[in-house]
Amino acid sequence: MIEADRVELVVPARGEYARTVRITATELATRAGMDFDDIDDVRMAVEEAFVFAVARVALDTLTFSFVVAPGSIELTVGPISCSDQENDGSDRGELYARFILESICDEFEILGSDGACAIRLVKKTG
């Protein structure tokens, strides 16, 4: 793999599909050349992103877009709802998910503005 590869996975926005997304992310992190600890971080990040997104799902499905390159994996998840009212930070589950994602990812952000948004994560080796 010399250049980045893009992989998209569209799943119903229901908890029973979290494992499918985790397995996919784990395989892609392996392809990116990540070690066990980094792969575990990717697995955990994808799980938290899934929970975060399902709580704010804008449609009946979620799209997980992975960009895999040597030494890194980027993930965009959406669409999710992101109205200012929902982003007041009062939900403990959301605060926990944000804390985990900010701790284990090299980059974490919510893209967009009022209306449909997406979660963007980047994990690099080491």
Protein backbone atom coordinates (compact mmCIF):
# COMPACT_ATOMS: atom_id res chain seq x y z
CA MET A 1 0.00 0.00 0.00
CA ILE A 2 1.81 3.12 -1.22
CA GLU A 3 -1.05 5.59 -1.32
CA ALA A 4 -4.03 6.01 0.93
CA ASP A 5 -6.96 3.67 0.40
CA ARG A 6 -10.55 4.73 1.06
CA VAL A 7 -13.05 2.24 2.48
CA GLU A 8 -16.68 3.05 3.20
CA LEU A 9 -19.03 1.03 5.32
CA VAL A 10 -22.73 1.89 5.62
CA VAL A 11 -24.56 0.20 8.48
CA PRO A 12 -27.95 0.54 10.15
CA ALA A 13 -27.70 2.91 13.13
CA ARG A 14 -28.29 0.15 15.67
CA GLY A 15 -25.99 -1.19 18.36
CA GLU A 16 -25.82 -4.71 16.97
CA TYR A 17 -23.70 -3.38 14.07
CA ALA A 18 -20.97 -1.95 16.31
CA ARG A 19 -19.02 -5.23 16.14
CA THR A 20 -19.04 -5.18 12.34
CA VAL A 21 -17.54 -1.69 12.36
CA ARG A 22 -14.96 -2.60 15.04
CA ILE A 23 -13.80 -5.66 13.10
CA THR A 24 -13.47 -3.61 9.92
CA ALA A 25 -11.52 -0.88 11.72
CA THR A 26 -9.21 -3.43 13.34
CA GLU A 27 -8.41 -5.03 9.98
CA LEU A 28 -7.75 -1.64 8.40
CA ALA A 29 -5.47 -0.58 11.28
CA THR A 30 -3.51 -3.80 10.73
CA ARG A 31 -3.17 -2.92 7.04
CA ALA A 32 -1.86 0.52 8.08
CA GLY A 33 0.99 -1.26 9.90
CA MET A 34 -0.10 -0.38 13.42
CA ASP A 35 1.12 -2.31 16.44
CA PHE A 36 -1.15 -4.04 18.97
CA ASP A 37 -1.56 -0.97 21.21
CA ASP A 38 -2.45 1.32 18.31
CA ILE A 39 -4.88 -1.26 16.90
CA ASP A 40 -6.54 -1.49 20.30
CA ASP A 41 -6.82 2.32 20.39
CA VAL A 42 -8.46 2.27 16.95
CA ARG A 43 -10.88 -0.42 18.08
CA MET A 44 -11.81 1.57 21.18
CA ALA A 45 -12.11 4.84 19.23
CA VAL A 46 -14.42 3.28 16.66
CA GLU A 47 -16.59 1.81 19.41
CA GLU A 48 -16.89 5.18 21.17
CA ALA A 49 -17.54 6.96 17.86
CA PHE A 50 -20.27 4.44 17.08
CA VAL A 51 -21.98 5.01 20.45
CA PHE A 52 -21.61 8.79 20.09
CA ALA A 53 -23.02 8.73 16.54
CA VAL A 54 -25.94 6.40 17.29
CA ALA A 55 -27.06 8.76 20.08
CA ARG A 56 -27.15 11.62 17.55
CA VAL A 57 -28.02 9.79 14.36
CA ALA A 58 -29.62 11.98 11.70
CA LEU A 59 -30.75 9.10 9.44
CA ASP A 60 -31.45 5.37 9.80
CA THR A 61 -27.91 4.54 8.70
CA LEU A 62 -24.39 5.66 9.51
CA THR A 63 -21.53 5.88 7.05
CA PHE A 64 -18.04 5.06 8.29
CA SER A 65 -15.44 6.38 5.84
CA PHE A 66 -11.92 5.14 6.49
CA VAL A 67 -8.79 6.54 4.83
CA VAL A 68 -5.94 4.09 5.40
CA ALA A 69 -2.33 5.01 4.73
CA PRO A 70 0.94 3.58 6.00
CA GLY A 71 1.08 4.53 9.67
CA SER A 72 -2.32 6.18 9.96
CA ILE A 73 -6.05 5.72 9.76
CA GLU A 74 -8.61 8.50 9.43
CA LEU A 75 -12.28 7.92 10.14
CA THR A 76 -15.28 10.09 9.38
CA VAL A 77 -18.67 9.01 10.78
CA GLY A 78 -21.98 10.58 9.87
CA PRO A 79 -24.34 12.04 9.34
CA ILE A 80 -25.13 12.99 12.92
CA SER A 81 -27.30 15.76 14.30
CA CYS A 82 -25.39 18.70 15.72
CA SER A 83 -27.76 21.43 16.79
CA ASP A 84 -26.41 23.83 19.41
CA GLN A 85 -29.01 22.62 21.90
CA GLU A 86 -27.73 19.05 21.67
CA ASN A 87 -24.10 20.14 22.07
CA ASP A 88 -24.56 21.73 25.50
CA GLY A 89 -22.37 19.04 27.08
CA SER A 90 -24.93 17.99 29.69
CA ASP A 91 -25.03 14.33 28.62
CA ARG A 92 -22.55 12.31 30.72
CA GLY A 93 -22.29 9.60 28.07
CA GLU A 94 -21.35 12.18 25.47
CA LEU A 95 -18.77 13.75 27.79
CA TYR A 96 -17.26 10.30 28.44
CA ALA A 97 -17.13 9.50 24.71
CA ARG A 98 -15.50 12.85 23.95
CA PHE A 99 -12.92 12.29 26.71
CA ILE A 100 -12.02 8.84 25.38
CA LEU A 101 -11.85 10.02 21.76
CA GLU A 102 -9.69 13.03 22.62
CA SER A 103 -7.41 10.84 24.74
CA ILE A 104 -6.71 8.02 22.30
CA CYS A 105 -6.89 9.77 18.93
CA ASP A 106 -4.32 12.12 17.47
CA GLU A 107 -7.15 14.24 16.14
CA PHE A 108 -10.84 14.45 17.07
CA GLU A 109 -13.37 16.95 15.80
CA ILE A 110 -17.00 17.41 14.89
CA LEU A 111 -17.29 18.70 11.33
CA GLY A 112 -20.15 20.90 10.19
CA SER A 113 -22.57 23.24 11.87
CA ASP A 114 -26.27 23.27 12.74
CA GLY A 115 -27.94 20.41 10.96
CA ALA A 116 -26.01 17.42 9.66
CA CYS A 117 -22.48 16.96 10.96
CA ALA A 118 -19.84 14.23 11.13
CA ILE A 119 -17.23 12.98 13.56
CA ARG A 120 -13.63 12.96 12.30
CA LEU A 121 -10.90 10.92 14.00
CA VAL A 122 -7.25 10.33 13.13
CA LYS A 123 -4.96 7.75 14.71
CA LYS A 124 -1.29 7.52 13.80
CA THR A 125 1.26 4.89 14.77
CA GLY A 126 3.33 5.53 17.86
